[in-house]
Amino acid sequence: MSAVFLFSGVVLATLFVAAAIKASRTELRITALVCAGLAVVAGFGLASFRYVAEDRIGLVSKDIAFRSLPAGQIIATAGEKGPQA
């Protein structure tokens, strides 16, 4: 489902950029480019959320971070990559 949101944001952004290229007025170009940026941000944002039902368990794992887990540690407690506490 998250891929759908991400793909939709990219497609909308592409359409807004195409509209900006064809626009004759500078204000319309700027507006279309701002909308393209918002579409990409919304797509990434919506793709980042998951719904976990009441009778299910969700595991939160961080894939992007500056630090990896130290040796011997299995749960991230200070913002490292890996399963989050």
PDB file of N, CA and C in Angstrom:
ATOM      1  N   MET A   1       0.817  -1.194   0.000  1.00  0.00           N
ATOM      2  CA  MET A   1       0.000   0.000   0.000  1.00  0.00           C
ATOM      3  C   MET A   1       0.859   1.254   0.000  1.00  0.00           C
ATOM      4  N   SER A   2       1.995   1.195   0.693  1.00  0.00           N
ATOM      5  CA  SER A   2       2.852   2.376   0.753  1.00  0.00           C
ATOM      6  C   SER A   2       3.433   2.710  -0.613  1.00  0.00           C
ATOM      7  N   ALA A   3       3.669   1.699  -1.436  1.00  0.00           N
ATOM      8  CA  ALA A   3       4.189   1.953  -2.775  1.00  0.00           C
ATOM      9  C   ALA A   3       3.178   2.720  -3.617  1.00  0.00           C
ATOM     10  N   VAL A   4       1.897   2.491  -3.369  1.00  0.00           N
ATOM     11  CA  VAL A   4       0.844   3.204  -4.096  1.00  0.00           C
ATOM     12  C   VAL A   4       0.901   4.693  -3.769  1.00  0.00           C
ATOM     13  N   PHE A   5       1.048   5.025  -2.481  1.00  0.00           N
ATOM     14  CA  PHE A   5       1.134   6.431  -2.094  1.00  0.00           C
ATOM     15  C   PHE A   5       2.375   7.092  -2.681  1.00  0.00           C
ATOM     16  N   LEU A   6       3.478   6.398  -2.621  1.00  0.00           N
ATOM     17  CA  LEU A   6       4.725   6.935  -3.149  1.00  0.00           C
ATOM     18  C   LEU A   6       4.621   7.143  -4.655  1.00  0.00           C
ATOM     19  N   PHE A   7       4.104   6.152  -5.366  1.00  0.00           N
ATOM     20  CA  PHE A   7       3.946   6.248  -6.817  1.00  0.00           C
ATOM     21  C   PHE A   7       2.986   7.376  -7.181  1.00  0.00           C
ATOM     22  N   SER A   8       1.890   7.503  -6.430  1.00  0.00           N
ATOM     23  CA  SER A   8       0.913   8.564  -6.693  1.00  0.00           C
ATOM     24  C   SER A   8       1.535   9.946  -6.510  1.00  0.00           C
ATOM     25  N   GLY A   9       2.336  10.098  -5.463  1.00  0.00           N
ATOM     26  CA  GLY A   9       2.999  11.381  -5.241  1.00  0.00           C
ATOM     27  C   GLY A   9       3.947  11.742  -6.370  1.00  0.00           C
ATOM     28  N   VAL A  10       4.685  10.760  -6.866  1.00  0.00           N
ATOM     29  CA  VAL A  10       5.627  11.007  -7.957  1.00  0.00           C
ATOM     30  C   VAL A  10       4.873  11.336  -9.247  1.00  0.00           C
ATOM     31  N   VAL A  11       3.781  10.617  -9.516  1.00  0.00           N
ATOM     32  CA  VAL A  11       2.997  10.882 -10.727  1.00  0.00           C
ATOM     33  C   VAL A  11       2.385  12.275 -10.662  1.00  0.00           C
ATOM     34  N   LEU A  12       1.803  12.629  -9.515  1.00  0.00           N
ATOM     35  CA  LEU A  12       1.232  13.975  -9.378  1.00  0.00           C
ATOM     36  C   LEU A  12       2.303  15.049  -9.536  1.00  0.00           C
ATOM     37  N   ALA A  13       3.469  14.824  -8.952  1.00  0.00           N
ATOM     38  CA  ALA A  13       4.555  15.796  -9.077  1.00  0.00           C
ATOM     39  C   ALA A  13       4.963  15.954 -10.537  1.00  0.00           C
ATOM     40  N   THR A  14       5.013  14.847 -11.269  1.00  0.00           N
ATOM     41  CA  THR A  14       5.364  14.906 -12.690  1.00  0.00           C
ATOM     42  C   THR A  14       4.336  15.704 -13.471  1.00  0.00           C
ATOM     43  N   LEU A  15       3.067  15.507 -13.165  1.00  0.00           N
ATOM     44  CA  LEU A  15       2.018  16.267 -13.841  1.00  0.00           C
ATOM     45  C   LEU A  15       2.114  17.760 -13.524  1.00  0.00           C
ATOM     46  N   PHE A  16       2.410  18.085 -12.270  1.00  0.00           N
ATOM     47  CA  PHE A  16       2.561  19.493 -11.902  1.00  0.00           C
ATOM     48  C   PHE A  16       3.769  20.123 -12.596  1.00  0.00           C
ATOM     49  N   VAL A  17       4.864  19.391 -12.708  1.00  0.00           N
ATOM     50  CA  VAL A  17       6.045  19.920 -13.397  1.00  0.00           C
ATOM     51  C   VAL A  17       5.742  20.127 -14.876  1.00  0.00           C
ATOM     52  N   ALA A  18       5.010  19.195 -15.487  1.00  0.00           N
ATOM     53  CA  ALA A  18       4.622  19.357 -16.892  1.00  0.00           C
ATOM     54  C   ALA A  18       3.739  20.585 -17.066  1.00  0.00           C
ATOM     55  N   ALA A  19       2.840  20.812 -16.112  1.00  0.00           N
ATOM     56  CA  ALA A  19       1.993  22.004 -16.170  1.00  0.00           C
ATOM     57  C   ALA A  19       2.822  23.270 -15.990  1.00  0.00           C
ATOM     58  N   ALA A  20       3.843  23.203 -15.137  1.00  0.00           N
ATOM     59  CA  ALA A  20       4.703  24.374 -14.924  1.00  0.00           C
ATOM     60  C   ALA A  20       5.477  24.716 -16.182  1.00  0.00           C
ATOM     61  N   ILE A  21       5.903  23.707 -16.919  1.00  0.00           N
ATOM     62  CA  ILE A  21       6.656  23.955 -18.151  1.00  0.00           C
ATOM     63  C   ILE A  21       5.779  24.639 -19.191  1.00  0.00           C
ATOM     64  N   LYS A  22       4.509  24.254 -19.255  1.00  0.00           N
ATOM     65  CA  LYS A  22       3.600  24.812 -20.257  1.00  0.00           C
ATOM     66  C   LYS A  22       2.982  26.139 -19.838  1.00  0.00           C
ATOM     67  N   ALA A  23       3.070  26.495 -18.552  1.00  0.00           N
ATOM     68  CA  ALA A  23       2.440  27.724 -18.064  1.00  0.00           C
ATOM     69  C   ALA A  23       3.133  28.946 -18.649  1.00  0.00           C
ATOM     70  N   SER A  24       2.323  29.939 -18.960  1.00  0.00           N
ATOM     71  CA  SER A  24       2.873  31.145 -19.563  1.00  0.00           C
ATOM     72  C   SER A  24       3.245  32.201 -18.522  1.00  0.00           C
ATOM     73  N   ARG A  25       2.579  32.201 -17.396  1.00  0.00           N
ATOM     74  CA  ARG A  25       2.842  33.200 -16.363  1.00  0.00           C
ATOM     75  C   ARG A  25       3.752  32.633 -15.294  1.00  0.00           C
ATOM     76  N   THR A  26       4.613  33.476 -14.771  1.00  0.00           N
ATOM     77  CA  THR A  26       5.576  33.073 -13.746  1.00  0.00           C
ATOM     78  C   THR A  26       4.880  32.616 -12.471  1.00  0.00           C
ATOM     79  N   GLU A  27       3.787  33.293 -12.093  1.00  0.00           N
ATOM     80  CA  GLU A  27       3.068  32.911 -10.881  1.00  0.00           C
ATOM     81  C   GLU A  27       2.522  31.498 -10.983  1.00  0.00           C
ATOM     82  N   LEU A  28       2.014  31.130 -12.158  1.00  0.00           N
ATOM     83  CA  LEU A  28       1.484  29.781 -12.356  1.00  0.00           C
ATOM     84  C   LEU A  28       2.603  28.737 -12.314  1.00  0.00           C
ATOM     85  N   ARG A  29       3.755  29.090 -12.863  1.00  0.00           N
ATOM     86  CA  ARG A  29       4.890  28.163 -12.824  1.00  0.00           C
ATOM     87  C   ARG A  29       5.332  27.896 -11.389  1.00  0.00           C
ATOM     88  N   ILE A  30       5.449  28.960 -10.615  1.00  0.00           N
ATOM     89  CA  ILE A  30       5.871  28.817  -9.220  1.00  0.00           C
ATOM     90  C   ILE A  30       4.854  28.002  -8.438  1.00  0.00           C
ATOM     91  N   THR A  31       3.574  28.287  -8.647  1.00  0.00           N
ATOM     92  CA  THR A  31       2.515  27.551  -7.956  1.00  0.00           C
ATOM     93  C   THR A  31       2.554  26.070  -8.315  1.00  0.00           C
ATOM     94  N   ALA A  32       2.734  25.765  -9.592  1.00  0.00           N
ATOM     95  CA  ALA A  32       2.785  24.362 -10.026  1.00  0.00           C
ATOM     96  C   ALA A  32       3.999  23.651  -9.438  1.00  0.00           C
ATOM     97  N   LEU A  33       5.139  24.325  -9.363  1.00  0.00           N
ATOM     98  CA  LEU A  33       6.330  23.704  -8.790  1.00  0.00           C
ATOM     99  C   LEU A  33       6.194  23.496  -7.276  1.00  0.00           C
ATOM    100  N   VAL A  34       5.549  24.430  -6.599  1.00  0.00           N
ATOM    101  CA  VAL A  34       5.296  24.264  -5.163  1.00  0.00           C
ATOM    102  C   VAL A  34       4.352  23.079  -4.946  1.00  0.00           C
ATOM    103  N   CYS A  35       3.317  22.970  -5.777  1.00  0.00           N
ATOM    104  CA  CYS A  35       2.392  21.829  -5.676  1.00  0.00           C
ATOM    105  C   CYS A  35       3.109  20.522  -5.969  1.00  0.00           C
ATOM    106  N   ALA A  36       4.060  20.523  -6.903  1.00  0.00           N
ATOM    107  CA  ALA A  36       4.840  19.317  -7.192  1.00  0.00           C
ATOM    108  C   ALA A  36       5.645  18.905  -5.971  1.00  0.00           C
ATOM    109  N   GLY A  37       6.272  19.867  -5.321  1.00  0.00           N
ATOM    110  CA  GLY A  37       7.033  19.564  -4.112  1.00  0.00           C
ATOM    111  C   GLY A  37       6.144  19.028  -3.002  1.00  0.00           C
ATOM    112  N   LEU A  38       4.972  19.627  -2.837  1.00  0.00           N
ATOM    113  CA  LEU A  38       4.030  19.154  -1.819  1.00  0.00           C
ATOM    114  C   LEU A  38       3.530  17.745  -2.127  1.00  0.00           C
ATOM    115  N   ALA A  39       3.330  17.437  -3.403  1.00  0.00           N
ATOM    116  CA  ALA A  39       2.875  16.096  -3.786  1.00  0.00           C
ATOM    117  C   ALA A  39       3.926  15.051  -3.451  1.00  0.00           C
ATOM    118  N   VAL A  40       5.189  15.366  -3.690  1.00  0.00           N
ATOM    119  CA  VAL A  40       6.262  14.420  -3.359  1.00  0.00           C
ATOM    120  C   VAL A  40       6.362  14.233  -1.846  1.00  0.00           C
ATOM    121  N   VAL A  41       6.308  15.320  -1.101  1.00  0.00           N
ATOM    122  CA  VAL A  41       6.386  15.236   0.360  1.00  0.00           C
ATOM    123  C   VAL A  41       5.189  14.451   0.904  1.00  0.00           C
ATOM    124  N   ALA A  42       3.996  14.703   0.383  1.00  0.00           N
ATOM    125  CA  ALA A  42       2.806  13.975   0.833  1.00  0.00           C
ATOM    126  C   ALA A  42       2.921  12.492   0.498  1.00  0.00           C
ATOM    127  N   GLY A  43       3.434  12.174  -0.687  1.00  0.00           N
ATOM    128  CA  GLY A  43       3.609  10.770  -1.065  1.00  0.00           C
ATOM    129  C   GLY A  43       4.560  10.052  -0.136  1.00  0.00           C
ATOM    130  N   PHE A  44       5.700  10.665   0.154  1.00  0.00           N
ATOM    131  CA  PHE A  44       6.658  10.061   1.087  1.00  0.00           C
ATOM    132  C   PHE A  44       6.074   9.974   2.493  1.00  0.00           C
ATOM    133  N   GLY A  45       5.374  11.013   2.910  1.00  0.00           N
ATOM    134  CA  GLY A  45       4.782  11.012   4.244  1.00  0.00           C
ATOM    135  C   GLY A  45       3.736   9.928   4.418  1.00  0.00           C
ATOM    136  N   LEU A  46       2.829   9.814   3.449  1.00  0.00           N
ATOM    137  CA  LEU A  46       1.793   8.793   3.543  1.00  0.00           C
ATOM    138  C   LEU A  46       2.366   7.387   3.416  1.00  0.00           C
ATOM    139  N   ALA A  47       3.456   7.241   2.682  1.00  0.00           N
ATOM    140  CA  ALA A  47       4.090   5.930   2.542  1.00  0.00           C
ATOM    141  C   ALA A  47       4.815   5.521   3.820  1.00  0.00           C
ATOM    142  N   SER A  48       5.040   6.451   4.725  1.00  0.00           N
ATOM    143  CA  SER A  48       5.796   6.169   5.945  1.00  0.00           C
ATOM    144  C   SER A  48       4.933   5.634   7.079  1.00  0.00           C
ATOM    145  N   PHE A  49       3.621   5.748   6.982  1.00  0.00           N
ATOM    146  CA  PHE A  49       2.737   5.342   8.061  1.00  0.00           C
ATOM    147  C   PHE A  49       2.150   3.965   7.796  1.00  0.00           C
ATOM    148  N   ARG A  50       1.964   3.213   8.865  1.00  0.00           N
ATOM    149  CA  ARG A  50       1.357   1.890   8.788  1.00  0.00           C
ATOM    150  C   ARG A  50       0.250   1.803   9.826  1.00  0.00           C
ATOM    151  N   TYR A  51      -0.808   1.099   9.483  1.00  0.00           N
ATOM    152  CA  TYR A  51      -1.887   0.846  10.430  1.00  0.00           C
ATOM    153  C   TYR A  51      -1.721  -0.564  10.967  1.00  0.00           C
ATOM    154  N   VAL A  52      -1.714  -0.685  12.281  1.00  0.00           N
ATOM    155  CA  VAL A  52      -1.621  -1.988  12.932  1.00  0.00           C
ATOM    156  C   VAL A  52      -2.923  -2.189  13.693  1.00  0.00           C
ATOM    157  N   ALA A  53      -3.655  -3.236  13.323  1.00  0.00           N
ATOM    158  CA  ALA A  53      -4.945  -3.514  13.957  1.00  0.00           C
ATOM    159  C   ALA A  53      -4.752  -3.880  15.430  1.00  0.00           C
ATOM    160  N   GLU A  54      -5.858  -3.836  16.176  1.00  0.00           N
ATOM    161  CA  GLU A  54      -5.801  -4.094  17.617  1.00  0.00           C
ATOM    162  C   GLU A  54      -5.321  -5.503  17.943  1.00  0.00           C
ATOM    163  N   ASP A  55      -5.622  -6.461  17.089  1.00  0.00           N
ATOM    164  CA  ASP A  55      -5.255  -7.847  17.374  1.00  0.00           C
ATOM    165  C   ASP A  55      -3.946  -8.254  16.695  1.00  0.00           C
ATOM    166  N   ARG A  56      -3.133  -7.276  16.276  1.00  0.00           N
ATOM    167  CA  ARG A  56      -1.860  -7.531  15.599  1.00  0.00           C
ATOM    168  C   ARG A  56      -0.714  -6.891  16.368  1.00  0.00           C
ATOM    169  N   ILE A  57       0.497  -7.307  16.037  1.00  0.00           N
ATOM    170  CA  ILE A  57       1.700  -6.733  16.629  1.00  0.00           C
ATOM    171  C   ILE A  57       2.497  -6.074  15.514  1.00  0.00           C
ATOM    172  N   GLY A  58       2.986  -4.867  15.760  1.00  0.00           N
ATOM    173  CA  GLY A  58       3.801  -4.163  14.784  1.00  0.00           C
ATOM    174  C   GLY A  58       5.232  -4.034  15.269  1.00  0.00           C
ATOM    175  N   LEU A  59       6.169  -4.201  14.367  1.00  0.00           N
ATOM    176  CA  LEU A  59       7.584  -4.056  14.690  1.00  0.00           C
ATOM    177  C   LEU A  59       8.096  -2.794  14.004  1.00  0.00           C
ATOM    178  N   VAL A  60       8.607  -1.858  14.787  1.00  0.00           N
ATOM    179  CA  VAL A  60       9.139  -0.619  14.242  1.00  0.00           C
ATOM    180  C   VAL A  60      10.639  -0.792  14.048  1.00  0.00           C
ATOM    181  N   SER A  61      11.078  -0.611  12.809  1.00  0.00           N
ATOM    182  CA  SER A  61      12.499  -0.738  12.494  1.00  0.00           C
ATOM    183  C   SER A  61      12.936   0.488  11.707  1.00  0.00           C
ATOM    184  N   LYS A  62      14.051   1.040  12.077  1.00  0.00           N
ATOM    185  CA  LYS A  62      14.590   2.228  11.428  1.00  0.00           C
ATOM    186  C   LYS A  62      15.642   1.776  10.420  1.00  0.00           C
ATOM    187  N   ASP A  63      15.458   2.116   9.144  1.00  0.00           N
ATOM    188  CA  ASP A  63      16.373   1.683   8.094  1.00  0.00           C
ATOM    189  C   ASP A  63      17.433   2.735   7.760  1.00  0.00           C
ATOM    190  N   ILE A  64      17.139   3.989   8.056  1.00  0.00           N
ATOM    191  CA  ILE A  64      18.065   5.070   7.711  1.00  0.00           C
ATOM    192  C   ILE A  64      18.475   5.790   8.991  1.00  0.00           C
ATOM    193  N   ALA A  65      19.748   5.829   9.257  1.00  0.00           N
ATOM    194  CA  ALA A  65      20.282   6.545  10.416  1.00  0.00           C
ATOM    195  C   ALA A  65      21.781   6.719  10.223  1.00  0.00           C
ATOM    196  N   PHE A  66      22.378   7.586  11.010  1.00  0.00           N
ATOM    197  CA  PHE A  66      23.820   7.827  10.914  1.00  0.00           C
ATOM    198  C   PHE A  66      24.625   6.734  11.606  1.00  0.00           C
ATOM    199  N   ARG A  67      24.042   6.140  12.656  1.00  0.00           N
ATOM    200  CA  ARG A  67      24.780   5.150  13.439  1.00  0.00           C
ATOM    201  C   ARG A  67      24.119   3.790  13.350  1.00  0.00           C
ATOM    202  N   SER A  68      24.938   2.746  13.316  1.00  0.00           N
ATOM    203  CA  SER A  68      24.449   1.374  13.398  1.00  0.00           C
ATOM    204  C   SER A  68      24.437   0.937  14.855  1.00  0.00           C
ATOM    205  N   LEU A  69      23.795  -0.197  15.102  1.00  0.00           N
ATOM    206  CA  LEU A  69      23.769  -0.733  16.469  1.00  0.00           C
ATOM    207  C   LEU A  69      25.166  -1.156  16.898  1.00  0.00           C
ATOM    208  N   PRO A  70      25.541  -0.870  18.139  1.00  0.00           N
ATOM    209  CA  PRO A  70      26.828  -1.360  18.642  1.00  0.00           C
ATOM    210  C   PRO A  70      26.827  -2.892  18.711  1.00  0.00           C
ATOM    211  N   ALA A  71      27.988  -3.480  18.711  1.00  0.00           N
ATOM    212  CA  ALA A  71      28.116  -4.936  18.780  1.00  0.00           C
ATOM    213  C   ALA A  71      27.470  -5.459  20.056  1.00  0.00           C
ATOM    214  N   GLY A  72      26.658  -6.499  19.941  1.00  0.00           N
ATOM    215  CA  GLY A  72      26.021  -7.112  21.088  1.00  0.00           C
ATOM    216  C   GLY A  72      24.680  -6.501  21.470  1.00  0.00           C
ATOM    217  N   GLN A  73      24.318  -5.380  20.883  1.00  0.00           N
ATOM    218  CA  GLN A  73      23.043  -4.738  21.202  1.00  0.00           C
ATOM    219  C   GLN A  73      22.027  -5.125  20.127  1.00  0.00           C
ATOM    220  N   ILE A  74      20.823  -5.534  20.520  1.00  0.00           N
ATOM    221  CA  ILE A  74      19.834  -5.987  19.546  1.00  0.00           C
ATOM    222  C   ILE A  74      18.668  -5.022  19.380  1.00  0.00           C
ATOM    223  N   ILE A  75      18.522  -4.046  20.273  1.00  0.00           N
ATOM    224  CA  ILE A  75      17.442  -3.071  20.184  1.00  0.00           C
ATOM    225  C   ILE A  75      18.039  -1.671  20.257  1.00  0.00           C
ATOM    226  N   ALA A  76      17.628  -0.823  19.316  1.00  0.00           N
ATOM    227  CA  ALA A  76      18.116   0.557  19.280  1.00  0.00           C
ATOM    228  C   ALA A  76      17.405   1.377  20.345  1.00  0.00           C
ATOM    229  N   THR A  77      18.170   2.067  21.158  1.00  0.00           N
ATOM    230  CA  THR A  77      17.575   2.900  22.213  1.00  0.00           C
ATOM    231  C   THR A  77      17.955   4.369  22.077  1.00  0.00           C
ATOM    232  N   ALA A  78      18.901   4.681  21.191  1.00  0.00           N
ATOM    233  CA  ALA A  78      19.352   6.070  21.056  1.00  0.00           C
ATOM    234  C   ALA A  78      19.316   6.522  19.598  1.00  0.00           C
ATOM    235  N   GLY A  79      18.325   6.058  18.816  1.00  0.00           N
ATOM    236  CA  GLY A  79      18.159   6.511  17.450  1.00  0.00           C
ATOM    237  C   GLY A  79      18.992   5.802  16.410  1.00  0.00           C
ATOM    238  N   GLU A  80      19.629   4.691  16.762  1.00  0.00           N
ATOM    239  CA  GLU A  80      20.436   3.953  15.786  1.00  0.00           C
ATOM    240  C   GLU A  80      19.528   3.213  14.806  1.00  0.00           C
ATOM    241  N   LYS A  81      20.150   2.651  13.745  1.00  0.00           N
ATOM    242  CA  LYS A  81      19.435   1.796  12.802  1.00  0.00           C
ATOM    243  C   LYS A  81      19.054   0.509  13.496  1.00  0.00           C
ATOM    244  N   GLY A  82      17.927  -0.080  13.117  1.00  0.00           N
ATOM    245  CA  GLY A  82      17.520  -1.379  13.616  1.00  0.00           C
ATOM    246  C   GLY A  82      16.190  -1.338  14.335  1.00  0.00           C
ATOM    247  N   PRO A  83      15.814  -2.443  14.973  1.00  0.00           N
ATOM    248  CA  PRO A  83      14.544  -2.489  15.724  1.00  0.00           C
ATOM    249  C   PRO A  83      14.548  -1.438  16.829  1.00  0.00           C
ATOM    250  N   GLN A  84      13.487  -0.667  16.911  1.00  0.00           N
ATOM    251  CA  GLN A  84      13.403   0.431  17.864  1.00  0.00           C
ATOM    252  C   GLN A  84      12.741  -0.008  19.163  1.00  0.00           C
ATOM    253  N   ALA A  85      13.190   0.548  20.257  1.00  0.00           N
ATOM    254  CA  ALA A  85      12.599   0.242  21.570  1.00  0.00           C
ATOM    255  C   ALA A  85      11.228   0.861  21.687  1.00  0.00           C
TER     256      ALA A  85
END
